[in-house]
């Protein structure tokens, strides 16, 4: 498919999602530029004095985001970054310098290994080792038994590419203790840490301070425009500010992102536990509906979900499921699923999608979910039959 055709398909999907009267979540991409700007202008005054001067290379509203996030996480200090990739690169580089060991132990499905084009090695000169290749978090024994020294253990909470999975609180404590036994520091990739509190049964400070540092994102779960924060000891954060500048992250003005971050902390953060609870209802109803359908195989993972996000797997090509999803949105006004991806191992005819439940999803009953699945499953079957079963 050419670039123009792909753009047309993207516009078609966005239009269908935006016009849907029922959806499990509204994503930032579902809105036009005018809608996003108008909403920010209308609401920003509820979280910050708009008569204050704009930020210049930090300070102002950016400094307020840093202070508030540090307090929420129970950390000494925090620094605002334009991207989470940069925040995490800087954190791991700083820890490597302090420990004298450039080796980072992390999961092979973690964000730096899958989504950052090898930046840990090519940009920061670090090397990675993997305690496990299983689609779960590494155990304490696996961390303890790594055959070579490492300076930092990085733990992604939740581990998105394994299905937004979390360890139990006891397993997380044991993993951190095992890293300490190896004289390593612990860094949390907490891009989605905000929604982990129901699963762990612990508040944000208790989770975050289990580690030496943590990065959190403002756009993934809090509906911010962009931006991230690295939080930890004051000395680490001060060093991180220096590396942020060296990495090109000392941005002149960031008030739109900072204001949207404050709005997310005020509005979305308190709602996340209700999204997590509703995701369990949605996932359970989906599993029941698929089990009673003509679909030859399916998987809802994890079941129940650990956060407000989970994966659904079906035995059809991704392009067939993409078309089924957008047609359902266009014809019924219901967006049940969004984009589908082929199985990472390249298994033909097997695809997965990520399901997010946020405020619009709270309106769905289990019966609503079952009805939407019943309508959806007929669509890929017809498409496959129309292609001669290929």
Protein backbone atom coordinates (compact mmCIF):
# COMPACT_ATOMS: atom_id res chain seq x y z
CA UNK A 1 0.00 0.00 0.00
CA UNK A 2 1.39 3.42 -0.98
CA UNK A 3 1.79 6.35 1.38
CA UNK A 4 -1.25 8.11 -0.09
CA UNK A 5 -3.44 5.02 0.23
CA UNK A 6 -2.31 4.50 3.82
CA UNK A 7 -3.09 8.14 4.66
CA UNK A 8 -6.56 7.73 3.15
CA UNK A 9 -7.14 4.61 5.24
CA UNK A 10 -5.92 6.43 8.34
CA UNK A 11 -8.31 9.31 7.67
CA UNK A 12 -11.11 6.81 7.17
CA UNK A 13 -10.37 5.13 10.51
CA UNK A 14 -10.11 8.41 12.40
CA UNK A 15 -13.40 9.61 10.95
CA UNK A 16 -15.15 6.37 11.89
CA UNK A 17 -13.76 6.42 15.42
CA UNK A 18 -14.62 10.07 15.97
CA UNK A 19 -18.19 9.61 14.73
CA UNK A 20 -18.83 6.50 16.81
CA UNK A 21 -21.52 6.98 19.41
CA UNK A 22 -20.16 4.13 21.51
CA UNK A 23 -16.52 3.33 22.15
CA UNK A 24 -14.47 1.83 24.96
CA UNK A 25 -12.03 4.75 24.96
CA UNK A 26 -11.48 8.10 23.31
CA UNK A 27 -7.88 8.55 22.19
CA UNK A 28 -6.18 11.89 21.62
CA UNK A 29 -5.95 11.09 17.90
CA UNK A 30 -9.75 10.96 17.75
CA UNK A 31 -9.88 14.76 17.92
CA UNK A 32 -8.99 17.48 15.46
CA UNK A 33 -6.36 20.15 16.17
CA UNK A 34 -9.11 22.69 16.77
CA UNK A 35 -10.85 20.43 19.29
CA UNK A 36 -7.69 19.72 21.26
CA UNK A 37 -6.63 23.38 21.35
CA UNK A 38 -10.09 24.58 22.33
CA UNK A 39 -10.35 22.04 25.14
CA UNK A 40 -6.94 23.00 26.52
CA UNK A 41 -7.74 26.72 26.39
CA UNK A 42 -11.10 26.16 28.10
CA UNK A 43 -9.79 23.96 30.92
CA UNK A 44 -6.21 25.05 31.63
CA UNK A 45 -7.31 27.84 33.96
CA UNK A 46 -8.69 25.27 36.40
CA UNK A 47 -5.19 23.90 37.13
CA UNK A 48 -2.88 26.89 36.74
CA UNK A 49 -2.94 30.68 36.86
CA UNK A 50 -3.07 31.67 33.20
CA UNK A 51 -2.03 35.18 34.16
CA UNK A 52 1.40 33.81 35.06
CA UNK A 53 4.30 34.16 32.65
CA UNK A 54 5.10 31.37 30.26
CA UNK A 55 7.92 28.96 31.03
CA UNK A 56 11.33 29.58 29.50
CA UNK A 57 13.65 26.55 29.50
CA UNK A 58 11.73 25.17 32.46
CA UNK A 59 10.29 26.81 35.54
CA UNK A 60 6.76 28.19 35.73
CA UNK A 61 4.11 25.63 34.91
CA UNK A 62 6.80 23.08 33.98
CA UNK A 63 8.30 23.42 37.45
CA UNK A 64 4.84 22.92 38.95
CA UNK A 65 4.46 19.63 37.06
CA UNK A 66 7.87 18.51 38.34
CA UNK A 67 7.08 19.36 41.97
CA UNK A 68 3.64 17.82 41.89
CA UNK A 69 4.84 14.60 40.27
CA UNK A 70 7.71 14.23 42.74
CA UNK A 71 5.21 14.59 45.60
CA UNK A 72 2.78 12.08 44.07
CA UNK A 73 5.55 9.51 43.69
CA UNK A 74 7.19 10.18 47.05
CA UNK A 75 10.49 11.09 45.37
CA UNK A 76 12.92 13.88 46.26
CA UNK A 77 12.91 15.57 42.87
CA UNK A 78 11.69 15.29 39.28
CA UNK A 79 12.65 16.65 35.87
CA UNK A 80 10.30 17.18 32.93
CA UNK A 81 11.33 15.66 29.59
CA UNK A 82 9.79 16.08 26.13
CA UNK A 83 9.68 12.28 25.64
CA UNK A 84 9.80 9.18 27.78
CA UNK A 85 12.44 7.64 25.54
CA UNK A 86 14.79 10.49 26.37
CA UNK A 87 13.95 10.40 30.08
CA UNK A 88 14.71 6.71 30.29
CA UNK A 89 17.89 6.93 28.20
CA UNK A 90 19.18 9.62 30.52
CA UNK A 91 18.23 7.75 33.68
CA UNK A 92 19.99 4.55 32.62
CA UNK A 93 23.04 6.46 31.42
CA UNK A 94 23.30 8.32 34.74
CA UNK A 95 23.02 5.11 36.74
CA UNK A 96 25.68 3.45 34.58
CA UNK A 97 28.07 6.25 35.42
CA UNK A 98 27.31 6.01 39.12
CA UNK A 99 27.55 2.23 39.38
CA UNK A 100 30.51 1.95 37.01
CA UNK A 101 28.67 -0.79 35.11
CA UNK A 102 27.10 -0.11 31.66
CA UNK A 103 25.04 -3.34 31.68
CA UNK A 104 21.26 -3.02 32.09
CA UNK A 105 19.19 -6.09 32.97
CA UNK A 106 15.72 -5.86 31.45
CA UNK A 107 13.07 -7.88 29.67
CA UNK A 108 13.57 -8.44 25.91
CA UNK A 109 9.99 -7.17 25.37
CA UNK A 110 10.65 -3.93 27.26
CA UNK A 111 10.32 -0.58 25.52
CA UNK A 112 14.05 0.13 24.97
CA UNK A 113 14.51 -3.24 23.29
CA UNK A 114 11.41 -3.12 21.07
CA UNK A 115 10.59 0.51 20.34
CA UNK A 116 13.76 2.63 20.55
CA UNK A 117 15.84 1.41 17.58
CA UNK A 118 18.75 0.23 19.73
CA UNK A 119 19.31 3.65 21.28
CA UNK A 120 20.61 2.28 24.58
CA UNK A 121 23.63 0.94 22.73
CA UNK A 122 24.03 3.32 19.80
CA UNK A 123 23.38 6.56 21.70
CA UNK A 124 24.22 5.80 25.32
CA UNK A 125 26.85 3.09 24.97
CA UNK A 126 25.01 0.69 27.26
CA UNK A 127 24.58 -3.05 26.93
CA UNK A 128 21.55 -5.14 27.86
CA UNK A 129 21.08 -8.62 29.30
CA UNK A 130 17.83 -10.53 29.70
CA UNK A 131 16.98 -12.42 32.91
CA UNK A 132 14.14 -14.22 31.09
CA UNK A 133 12.54 -14.56 27.67
CA UNK A 134 9.19 -15.73 29.06
CA UNK A 135 6.16 -13.49 28.47
CA UNK A 136 6.08 -12.44 32.10
CA UNK A 137 8.27 -10.50 34.49
CA UNK A 138 11.59 -11.95 35.55
CA UNK A 139 11.56 -13.80 38.86
CA UNK A 140 13.90 -13.10 41.73
CA UNK A 141 15.75 -16.35 41.05
CA UNK A 142 16.26 -15.42 37.39
CA UNK A 143 17.65 -12.03 38.38
CA UNK A 144 19.83 -13.56 41.07
CA UNK A 145 21.17 -16.19 38.66
CA UNK A 146 22.18 -13.90 35.79
CA UNK A 147 25.67 -15.10 34.84
CA UNK A 148 27.27 -11.65 34.62
CA UNK A 149 27.23 -8.48 36.72
CA UNK A 150 24.83 -5.67 35.84
CA UNK A 151 24.59 -2.16 37.18
CA UNK A 152 20.87 -1.49 36.78
CA UNK A 153 17.71 -3.59 36.75
CA UNK A 154 14.99 -1.92 34.69
CA UNK A 155 11.41 -3.10 35.31
CA UNK A 156 8.58 -2.00 33.00
CA UNK A 157 5.28 -1.71 34.87
CA UNK A 158 3.14 -2.97 33.23
CA UNK A 159 5.06 -4.88 30.56
CA UNK A 160 3.10 -3.72 27.54
CA UNK A 161 4.40 -6.06 24.85
CA UNK A 162 3.67 -9.10 26.98
CA UNK A 163 0.05 -7.94 27.29
CA UNK A 164 0.21 -5.17 29.92
CA UNK A 165 1.16 -7.72 32.56
CA UNK A 166 2.25 -7.04 36.13
CA UNK A 167 3.92 -9.21 38.76
CA UNK A 168 2.32 -9.61 42.16
CA UNK A 169 3.49 -7.16 44.83
CA UNK A 170 5.42 -9.94 46.54
CA UNK A 171 7.10 -10.89 43.25
CA UNK A 172 8.07 -7.28 42.61
CA UNK A 173 9.53 -6.89 46.09
CA UNK A 174 11.51 -10.12 45.64
CA UNK A 175 12.84 -9.01 42.23
CA UNK A 176 14.03 -5.70 43.66
CA UNK A 177 15.66 -7.46 46.59
CA UNK A 178 17.44 -9.82 44.20
CA UNK A 179 18.84 -6.85 42.26
CA UNK A 180 20.07 -5.28 45.49
CA UNK A 181 21.83 -8.55 46.33
CA UNK A 182 23.66 -8.13 43.03
CA UNK A 183 24.69 -4.57 44.05
CA UNK A 184 22.51 -3.11 41.31
CA UNK A 185 20.17 -0.14 41.36
CA UNK A 186 16.55 -0.42 40.21
CA UNK A 187 14.80 1.83 37.71
CA UNK A 188 11.09 1.60 36.92
CA UNK A 189 9.79 2.22 33.42
CA UNK A 190 6.51 3.55 34.76
CA UNK A 191 5.06 4.96 31.55
CA UNK A 192 1.79 3.38 32.69
CA UNK A 193 2.54 3.25 36.41
CA UNK A 194 -0.47 5.41 37.23
CA UNK A 195 -2.94 2.55 36.68
CA UNK A 196 -0.98 -0.12 38.59
CA UNK A 197 -2.22 0.78 42.07
CA UNK A 198 -5.38 -1.43 42.06
CA UNK A 199 -3.40 -4.55 41.08
CA UNK A 200 -0.72 -4.02 43.70
CA UNK A 201 -3.07 -2.74 46.39
CA UNK A 202 -0.49 -0.05 47.14
CA UNK A 203 -0.33 3.70 46.62
CA UNK A 204 1.95 5.38 44.10
CA UNK A 205 4.64 6.40 46.64
CA UNK A 206 5.02 2.85 47.97
CA UNK A 207 5.35 1.46 44.45
CA UNK A 208 7.70 4.15 43.15
CA UNK A 209 10.03 4.28 46.14
CA UNK A 210 10.60 0.56 45.94
CA UNK A 211 13.02 1.59 43.16
CA UNK A 212 15.82 4.14 42.97
CA UNK A 213 14.24 6.08 40.10
CA UNK A 214 11.10 6.04 37.99
CA UNK A 215 9.88 7.56 34.74
CA UNK A 216 6.21 8.33 34.15
CA UNK A 217 4.35 9.50 31.05
CA UNK A 218 1.55 12.04 30.79
CA UNK A 219 0.01 11.14 27.44
CA UNK A 220 -0.47 7.37 27.63
CA UNK A 221 -3.02 7.13 30.44
CA UNK A 222 -3.58 10.74 31.50
CA UNK A 223 -4.57 12.13 28.08
CA UNK A 224 -1.80 14.73 28.04
CA UNK A 225 -0.44 16.17 24.82
CA UNK A 226 3.07 14.83 25.43
CA UNK A 227 5.82 14.83 28.02
CA UNK A 228 7.28 12.71 30.77
CA UNK A 229 8.99 13.05 34.13
CA UNK A 230 12.03 11.33 35.59
CA UNK A 231 11.86 11.21 39.39
CA UNK A 232 14.42 10.11 41.95
CA UNK A 233 17.10 11.42 44.31
CA UNK A 234 17.93 15.12 44.02
CA UNK A 235 21.49 14.45 42.90
CA UNK A 236 20.38 12.07 40.15
CA UNK A 237 17.76 14.48 38.87
CA UNK A 238 20.26 17.35 38.76
CA UNK A 239 22.63 15.21 36.71
CA UNK A 240 19.71 14.19 34.49
CA UNK A 241 18.98 17.85 33.76
CA UNK A 242 22.51 18.21 32.40
CA UNK A 243 22.12 15.15 30.17
CA UNK A 244 18.67 16.32 29.10
CA UNK A 245 20.32 19.43 27.68
CA UNK A 246 23.02 17.36 25.97
CA UNK A 247 20.38 15.11 24.42
CA UNK A 248 18.52 18.10 22.98
CA UNK A 249 15.68 18.05 25.48
CA UNK A 250 16.08 21.56 26.90
CA UNK A 251 13.00 22.86 25.11
CA UNK A 252 12.36 26.62 25.03
CA UNK A 253 8.69 26.49 26.03
CA UNK A 254 6.53 23.50 26.99
CA UNK A 255 3.50 25.07 28.62
CA UNK A 256 0.87 23.32 26.43
CA UNK A 257 2.25 19.89 27.38
CA UNK A 258 2.70 20.91 31.02
CA UNK A 259 -0.84 22.29 31.32
CA UNK A 260 -2.28 19.13 29.80
CA UNK A 261 -0.20 17.08 32.26
CA UNK A 262 -1.70 18.97 35.20
CA UNK A 263 -5.18 18.43 33.78
CA UNK A 264 -4.46 14.71 33.49
CA UNK A 265 -3.27 14.51 37.09
CA UNK A 266 -6.41 16.30 38.25
CA UNK A 267 -8.97 14.55 36.07
CA UNK A 268 -7.79 11.21 34.75
CA UNK A 269 -5.59 9.98 37.58
CA UNK A 270 -8.46 9.70 40.12
CA UNK A 271 -10.58 7.83 37.54
CA UNK A 272 -8.04 5.16 36.63
CA UNK A 273 -9.13 2.64 39.31
CA UNK A 274 -12.65 2.70 37.87
CA UNK A 275 -11.24 2.06 34.39
CA UNK A 276 -9.27 -0.91 35.71
CA UNK A 277 -12.36 -2.38 37.36
CA UNK A 278 -14.43 -1.90 34.19
CA UNK A 279 -11.71 -3.50 32.04
CA UNK A 280 -12.25 -6.71 33.99
CA UNK A 281 -15.96 -6.61 33.12
CA UNK A 282 -15.23 -5.90 29.46
CA UNK A 283 -12.57 -8.60 29.14
CA UNK A 284 -14.76 -11.20 30.84
CA UNK A 285 -17.71 -10.41 28.58
CA UNK A 286 -15.49 -10.56 25.49
CA UNK A 287 -14.17 -13.97 26.48
CA UNK A 288 -17.69 -15.27 27.03
CA UNK A 289 -18.88 -13.90 23.68
CA UNK A 290 -15.93 -15.31 21.73
CA UNK A 291 -16.33 -18.69 23.43
CA UNK A 292 -19.94 -18.86 22.28
CA UNK A 293 -19.22 -17.69 18.74
CA UNK A 294 -18.10 -19.36 15.53
CA UNK A 295 -14.52 -18.11 15.95
CA UNK A 296 -12.28 -21.21 15.91
CA UNK A 297 -9.81 -19.81 18.46
CA UNK A 298 -9.30 -16.67 20.53
CA UNK A 299 -7.38 -15.41 23.50
CA UNK A 300 -8.06 -12.53 25.89
CA UNK A 301 -4.85 -11.80 27.77
CA UNK A 302 -4.41 -11.35 30.62
CA UNK A 303 -7.74 -12.50 31.98
CA UNK A 304 -8.61 -10.73 34.13
CA UNK A 305 -6.62 -7.67 33.01
CA UNK A 306 -4.00 -6.29 35.40
CA UNK A 307 -4.69 -2.69 34.35
CA UNK A 308 -7.27 -0.96 32.12
CA UNK A 309 -5.57 -2.39 29.02
CA UNK A 310 -5.31 -5.91 27.65
CA UNK A 311 -4.88 -7.82 24.38
CA UNK A 312 -7.24 -9.85 22.23
CA UNK A 313 -5.89 -12.45 19.79
CA UNK A 314 -7.84 -13.86 16.81
CA UNK A 315 -6.92 -16.28 13.98
CA UNK A 316 -7.29 -13.90 11.04
CA UNK A 317 -4.91 -11.65 9.08
CA UNK A 318 -4.50 -8.15 10.54
CA UNK A 319 -5.78 -6.44 7.40
CA UNK A 320 -9.01 -8.47 7.55
CA UNK A 321 -9.56 -7.53 11.19
CA UNK A 322 -8.71 -3.88 10.53
CA UNK A 323 -11.38 -3.75 7.84
CA UNK A 324 -13.90 -5.54 10.07
CA UNK A 325 -13.23 -3.08 12.89
CA UNK A 326 -13.62 0.06 10.81
CA UNK A 327 -16.71 -1.28 9.03
CA UNK A 328 -18.35 -2.02 12.36
CA UNK A 329 -17.66 1.56 13.46
CA UNK A 330 -18.98 3.00 10.18
CA UNK A 331 -22.10 0.85 9.97
CA UNK A 332 -23.17 0.62 13.61
CA UNK A 333 -21.52 3.58 15.33
CA UNK A 334 -19.74 1.16 17.69
CA UNK A 335 -15.94 1.11 17.96
CA UNK A 336 -15.09 -2.14 19.69
CA UNK A 337 -11.56 -2.67 18.36
CA UNK A 338 -9.08 -0.37 16.64
CA UNK A 339 -5.86 -1.38 14.90
CA UNK A 340 -4.73 -5.00 14.63
CA UNK A 341 -1.15 -6.26 14.31
CA UNK A 342 0.26 -9.51 12.96
CA UNK A 343 1.70 -11.90 15.54
CA UNK A 344 5.30 -10.85 16.32
CA UNK A 345 6.64 -14.32 15.50
CA UNK A 346 5.29 -13.96 11.97
CA UNK A 347 2.73 -16.73 12.37
CA UNK A 348 0.43 -16.40 9.34
CA UNK A 349 -3.20 -15.59 9.99
CA UNK A 350 -2.78 -14.73 13.68
CA UNK A 351 -3.26 -11.17 14.92
CA UNK A 352 -3.75 -9.19 18.11
CA UNK A 353 -5.16 -5.84 19.16
CA UNK A 354 -4.79 -3.76 22.30
CA UNK A 355 -7.99 -2.83 24.13
CA UNK A 356 -8.15 0.24 26.35
CA UNK A 357 -11.04 1.05 28.67
CA UNK A 358 -11.43 4.66 29.79
CA UNK A 359 -14.32 7.01 30.60
CA UNK A 360 -16.57 6.13 27.60
CA UNK A 361 -16.15 2.43 28.42
CA UNK A 362 -17.76 2.91 31.83
CA UNK A 363 -21.13 3.17 30.07
CA UNK A 364 -20.91 -0.36 28.64
CA UNK A 365 -22.63 -3.27 30.33
CA UNK A 366 -21.47 -6.85 29.89
CA UNK A 367 -24.46 -7.38 27.58
CA UNK A 368 -23.35 -4.41 25.46
CA UNK A 369 -19.91 -5.98 25.06
CA UNK A 370 -21.34 -9.39 24.18
CA UNK A 371 -23.63 -7.86 21.57
CA UNK A 372 -20.77 -5.89 19.99
CA UNK A 373 -18.58 -9.00 19.83
CA UNK A 374 -21.43 -11.02 18.28
CA UNK A 375 -21.76 -8.40 15.54
CA UNK A 376 -18.00 -8.17 15.03
CA UNK A 377 -17.19 -11.88 14.67
CA UNK A 378 -19.36 -12.27 11.58
CA UNK A 379 -17.32 -9.68 9.69
CA UNK A 380 -13.89 -11.38 9.43
CA UNK A 381 -15.59 -14.70 8.67
CA UNK A 382 -17.38 -13.16 5.70
CA UNK A 383 -14.21 -11.43 4.54
CA UNK A 384 -12.19 -14.65 4.65
CA UNK A 385 -14.92 -16.55 2.80
CA UNK A 386 -15.00 -13.79 0.20
CA UNK A 387 -11.26 -14.28 -0.37
CA UNK A 388 -11.69 -17.98 -0.93
CA UNK A 389 -10.49 -18.87 2.55
CA UNK A 390 -7.01 -17.49 1.94
